[in-house]
N, C-alpha and C. Protein backbone atom coordinates (compact mmCIF):
# COMPACT_ATOMS: atom_id res chain seq x y z
N MET A 1 11.33 -23.69 -7.23
CA MET A 1 11.35 -22.31 -6.83
C MET A 1 10.09 -21.56 -7.28
N THR A 2 9.25 -22.18 -8.08
CA THR A 2 8.05 -21.49 -8.52
C THR A 2 6.81 -21.85 -7.65
N ASP A 3 7.03 -22.45 -6.50
CA ASP A 3 5.99 -22.73 -5.60
C ASP A 3 5.33 -21.44 -5.08
N THR A 4 4.08 -21.53 -4.68
CA THR A 4 3.39 -20.37 -4.13
C THR A 4 4.01 -20.10 -2.75
N THR A 5 4.44 -18.86 -2.55
CA THR A 5 5.01 -18.45 -1.30
C THR A 5 4.46 -17.12 -0.85
N THR A 6 4.35 -16.96 0.42
CA THR A 6 3.94 -15.69 0.99
C THR A 6 5.06 -15.20 1.91
N HIS A 7 5.50 -13.97 1.69
CA HIS A 7 6.53 -13.40 2.50
C HIS A 7 5.95 -12.29 3.31
N ALA A 8 6.72 -11.86 4.33
CA ALA A 8 6.23 -10.78 5.22
C ALA A 8 5.92 -9.51 4.47
N THR A 9 6.61 -9.24 3.37
CA THR A 9 6.38 -7.99 2.62
C THR A 9 5.14 -8.02 1.75
N HIS A 10 4.57 -9.20 1.53
CA HIS A 10 3.38 -9.28 0.63
C HIS A 10 2.24 -8.44 1.14
N THR A 11 2.03 -8.36 2.43
CA THR A 11 0.98 -7.53 3.00
C THR A 11 1.21 -6.08 2.68
N ASP A 12 2.45 -5.64 2.82
CA ASP A 12 2.77 -4.25 2.48
C ASP A 12 2.61 -3.96 1.00
N ILE A 13 2.98 -4.94 0.20
CA ILE A 13 2.86 -4.77 -1.25
C ILE A 13 1.36 -4.64 -1.65
N VAL A 14 0.52 -5.46 -1.06
CA VAL A 14 -0.89 -5.38 -1.32
C VAL A 14 -1.43 -4.01 -0.94
N LYS A 15 -1.03 -3.49 0.23
CA LYS A 15 -1.48 -2.18 0.69
C LYS A 15 -1.04 -1.11 -0.31
N ARG A 16 0.20 -1.21 -0.77
CA ARG A 16 0.73 -0.24 -1.72
C ARG A 16 -0.03 -0.29 -3.05
N LEU A 17 -0.33 -1.48 -3.50
CA LEU A 17 -1.08 -1.62 -4.76
C LEU A 17 -2.52 -1.16 -4.62
N LYS A 18 -3.14 -1.37 -3.47
CA LYS A 18 -4.50 -0.84 -3.25
C LYS A 18 -4.48 0.68 -3.24
N ARG A 19 -3.44 1.25 -2.64
CA ARG A 19 -3.31 2.71 -2.65
C ARG A 19 -3.12 3.19 -4.07
N ALA A 20 -2.31 2.50 -4.87
CA ALA A 20 -2.09 2.91 -6.26
C ALA A 20 -3.43 2.78 -7.05
N ASN A 21 -4.17 1.74 -6.75
CA ASN A 21 -5.47 1.54 -7.42
C ASN A 21 -6.42 2.72 -7.09
N GLY A 22 -6.40 3.17 -5.81
CA GLY A 22 -7.21 4.29 -5.44
C GLY A 22 -6.80 5.56 -6.19
N HIS A 23 -5.46 5.76 -6.29
CA HIS A 23 -4.97 6.91 -7.06
C HIS A 23 -5.40 6.82 -8.51
N LEU A 24 -5.32 5.65 -9.08
CA LEU A 24 -5.70 5.46 -10.48
C LEU A 24 -7.16 5.76 -10.68
N LEU A 25 -8.01 5.28 -9.79
CA LEU A 25 -9.43 5.57 -9.93
C LEU A 25 -9.68 7.11 -9.77
N SER A 26 -8.89 7.71 -8.92
CA SER A 26 -9.00 9.18 -8.77
C SER A 26 -8.60 9.90 -10.08
N VAL A 27 -7.56 9.40 -10.71
CA VAL A 27 -7.12 10.02 -12.00
C VAL A 27 -8.23 9.87 -13.06
N ILE A 28 -8.86 8.71 -13.07
CA ILE A 28 -9.95 8.52 -14.06
C ILE A 28 -11.04 9.56 -13.78
N GLY A 29 -11.39 9.72 -12.55
CA GLY A 29 -12.41 10.71 -12.18
C GLY A 29 -11.96 12.15 -12.53
N MET A 30 -10.71 12.41 -12.32
CA MET A 30 -10.15 13.75 -12.66
C MET A 30 -10.22 13.97 -14.16
N ILE A 31 -9.94 12.96 -14.98
CA ILE A 31 -10.05 13.10 -16.45
C ILE A 31 -11.48 13.38 -16.84
N GLU A 32 -12.36 12.57 -16.27
CA GLU A 32 -13.78 12.76 -16.62
C GLU A 32 -14.32 14.14 -16.17
N ALA A 33 -13.73 14.67 -15.10
CA ALA A 33 -14.15 16.00 -14.62
C ALA A 33 -13.45 17.18 -15.35
N GLY A 34 -12.51 16.83 -16.27
CA GLY A 34 -11.82 17.84 -17.01
C GLY A 34 -10.76 18.59 -16.23
N ARG A 35 -10.14 17.96 -15.27
CA ARG A 35 -9.07 18.62 -14.49
C ARG A 35 -7.90 18.95 -15.34
N PRO A 36 -7.07 19.90 -14.91
CA PRO A 36 -5.91 20.27 -15.67
C PRO A 36 -4.92 19.13 -15.86
N CYS A 37 -4.20 19.15 -16.97
CA CYS A 37 -3.27 18.09 -17.30
C CYS A 37 -2.12 18.02 -16.29
N THR A 38 -1.73 19.14 -15.70
CA THR A 38 -0.65 19.11 -14.70
C THR A 38 -1.06 18.32 -13.49
N ASP A 39 -2.34 18.47 -13.10
CA ASP A 39 -2.86 17.69 -11.94
C ASP A 39 -2.91 16.20 -12.29
N LEU A 40 -3.33 15.89 -13.53
CA LEU A 40 -3.40 14.52 -14.00
C LEU A 40 -2.00 13.88 -13.99
N ALA A 41 -1.04 14.61 -14.53
CA ALA A 41 0.32 14.09 -14.66
C ALA A 41 0.89 13.81 -13.26
N GLN A 42 0.60 14.72 -12.32
CA GLN A 42 1.11 14.54 -10.97
C GLN A 42 0.53 13.26 -10.33
N GLN A 43 -0.77 13.06 -10.47
CA GLN A 43 -1.39 11.87 -9.93
C GLN A 43 -0.91 10.59 -10.64
N LEU A 44 -0.77 10.64 -11.96
CA LEU A 44 -0.23 9.49 -12.68
C LEU A 44 1.17 9.15 -12.27
N HIS A 45 1.96 10.19 -11.96
CA HIS A 45 3.32 9.97 -11.48
C HIS A 45 3.28 9.24 -10.13
N ALA A 46 2.31 9.62 -9.27
CA ALA A 46 2.19 8.96 -7.96
C ALA A 46 1.80 7.50 -8.14
N VAL A 47 0.89 7.19 -9.09
CA VAL A 47 0.50 5.82 -9.37
C VAL A 47 1.71 5.03 -9.86
N GLU A 48 2.44 5.59 -10.81
CA GLU A 48 3.64 4.99 -11.36
C GLU A 48 4.64 4.65 -10.29
N LYS A 49 4.92 5.60 -9.43
CA LYS A 49 5.88 5.41 -8.34
C LYS A 49 5.48 4.33 -7.36
N ALA A 50 4.18 4.33 -7.03
CA ALA A 50 3.67 3.31 -6.10
C ALA A 50 3.83 1.92 -6.64
N ILE A 51 3.53 1.74 -7.91
CA ILE A 51 3.65 0.45 -8.57
C ILE A 51 5.10 0.05 -8.69
N ALA A 52 5.96 1.00 -9.07
CA ALA A 52 7.38 0.69 -9.16
C ALA A 52 7.95 0.24 -7.84
N GLN A 53 7.53 0.93 -6.75
CA GLN A 53 8.02 0.57 -5.42
C GLN A 53 7.49 -0.81 -4.99
N ALA A 54 6.29 -1.12 -5.32
CA ALA A 54 5.76 -2.46 -5.05
C ALA A 54 6.51 -3.53 -5.77
N LYS A 55 6.84 -3.26 -7.06
CA LYS A 55 7.60 -4.22 -7.81
C LYS A 55 9.01 -4.39 -7.27
N ARG A 56 9.61 -3.29 -6.92
CA ARG A 56 10.95 -3.32 -6.35
C ARG A 56 10.98 -4.11 -5.01
N THR A 57 10.01 -3.89 -4.19
CA THR A 57 9.92 -4.61 -2.90
C THR A 57 9.73 -6.10 -3.15
N LEU A 58 8.88 -6.45 -4.09
CA LEU A 58 8.61 -7.85 -4.40
C LEU A 58 9.89 -8.55 -4.87
N ILE A 59 10.58 -7.91 -5.82
CA ILE A 59 11.81 -8.53 -6.36
C ILE A 59 12.88 -8.60 -5.29
N GLN A 60 13.06 -7.54 -4.53
CA GLN A 60 14.03 -7.58 -3.47
C GLN A 60 13.77 -8.69 -2.44
N ASP A 61 12.48 -8.81 -2.09
CA ASP A 61 12.05 -9.85 -1.17
C ASP A 61 12.39 -11.21 -1.74
N HIS A 62 12.13 -11.41 -3.01
CA HIS A 62 12.41 -12.72 -3.67
C HIS A 62 13.94 -12.99 -3.60
N ILE A 63 14.73 -12.00 -3.89
CA ILE A 63 16.21 -12.18 -3.82
C ILE A 63 16.63 -12.49 -2.42
N ASP A 64 16.12 -11.76 -1.47
CA ASP A 64 16.55 -11.92 -0.08
C ASP A 64 16.15 -13.27 0.52
N HIS A 65 14.99 -13.79 0.11
CA HIS A 65 14.49 -15.02 0.74
C HIS A 65 14.66 -16.23 -0.11
N CYS A 66 14.12 -16.20 -1.31
CA CYS A 66 14.11 -17.41 -2.15
C CYS A 66 15.49 -17.69 -2.74
N LEU A 67 16.11 -16.72 -3.36
CA LEU A 67 17.39 -16.99 -3.98
C LEU A 67 18.48 -17.19 -2.93
N ASP A 68 18.49 -16.37 -1.93
CA ASP A 68 19.52 -16.43 -0.91
C ASP A 68 19.43 -17.78 -0.20
N ALA A 69 18.23 -18.23 0.12
CA ALA A 69 18.03 -19.52 0.82
C ALA A 69 18.52 -20.67 -0.04
N ALA A 70 18.26 -20.64 -1.36
CA ALA A 70 18.65 -21.71 -2.24
C ALA A 70 20.15 -21.78 -2.40
N MET A 71 20.82 -20.63 -2.39
CA MET A 71 22.24 -20.57 -2.64
C MET A 71 23.03 -20.84 -1.36
N THR A 72 22.58 -20.42 -0.18
CA THR A 72 23.34 -20.65 1.01
C THR A 72 23.16 -22.05 1.60
N ALA A 73 22.09 -22.64 1.32
CA ALA A 73 21.81 -23.97 1.91
C ALA A 73 22.40 -25.08 1.07
N ASN A 74 23.18 -24.74 0.02
CA ASN A 74 23.71 -25.74 -0.88
C ASN A 74 22.56 -26.62 -1.42
N ASP A 75 21.47 -25.96 -1.65
CA ASP A 75 20.26 -26.59 -2.13
C ASP A 75 20.44 -27.13 -3.52
N PRO A 76 19.99 -28.35 -3.77
CA PRO A 76 20.09 -28.91 -5.17
C PRO A 76 19.26 -28.10 -6.19
N ASP A 77 18.33 -27.25 -5.63
CA ASP A 77 17.56 -26.40 -6.53
C ASP A 77 18.29 -25.10 -6.86
N GLY A 78 19.54 -24.98 -6.42
CA GLY A 78 20.34 -23.79 -6.62
C GLY A 78 20.39 -23.33 -8.08
N PRO A 79 20.68 -24.26 -9.02
CA PRO A 79 20.68 -23.86 -10.44
C PRO A 79 19.34 -23.35 -10.92
N SER A 80 18.24 -23.95 -10.52
CA SER A 80 16.94 -23.45 -10.87
C SER A 80 16.66 -22.11 -10.21
N ALA A 81 17.18 -21.85 -9.06
CA ALA A 81 17.03 -20.58 -8.39
C ALA A 81 17.74 -19.48 -9.18
N VAL A 82 18.91 -19.82 -9.70
CA VAL A 82 19.66 -18.89 -10.53
C VAL A 82 18.92 -18.57 -11.80
N ALA A 83 18.36 -19.61 -12.42
CA ALA A 83 17.55 -19.44 -13.64
C ALA A 83 16.33 -18.53 -13.34
N GLU A 84 15.68 -18.77 -12.23
CA GLU A 84 14.55 -17.95 -11.84
C GLU A 84 14.97 -16.50 -11.62
N PHE A 85 16.12 -16.33 -11.00
CA PHE A 85 16.65 -14.97 -10.77
C PHE A 85 16.88 -14.26 -12.10
N LYS A 86 17.50 -14.99 -13.05
CA LYS A 86 17.72 -14.40 -14.37
C LYS A 86 16.37 -14.00 -15.05
N ALA A 87 15.34 -14.75 -14.81
CA ALA A 87 14.04 -14.46 -15.38
C ALA A 87 13.41 -13.28 -14.73
N ILE A 88 13.58 -13.10 -13.42
CA ILE A 88 12.94 -12.00 -12.70
C ILE A 88 13.63 -10.67 -12.89
N VAL A 89 14.94 -10.66 -13.11
CA VAL A 89 15.66 -9.42 -13.24
C VAL A 89 15.23 -8.60 -14.48
N LYS A 90 14.64 -9.25 -15.44
CA LYS A 90 14.18 -8.49 -16.64
C LYS A 90 13.09 -7.51 -16.26
N TYR A 91 12.46 -7.68 -15.07
CA TYR A 91 11.39 -6.76 -14.63
C TYR A 91 11.94 -5.59 -13.80
N LEU A 92 13.25 -5.58 -13.58
CA LEU A 92 13.80 -4.46 -12.78
C LEU A 92 13.77 -3.17 -13.57
């Protein structure tokens, strides 16, 4: 279950993370420019939410495709899929 896999949502996750990266670079510029803390907090919140949503999408995708496939197909890798699921939920 630890093989390299690409799912349909990975493209969206990359877009989301690139957007978050752009926001983060903007926040750095705002700090260097001496912008008000409320503006900084708002932008940092946007970065935080974008990353959280990317993580949520990634984990949900893993559950929907990798874990579900291993469990419904009576796959002999089912127990390792459950172990992997237990490992990934700590990031929720």
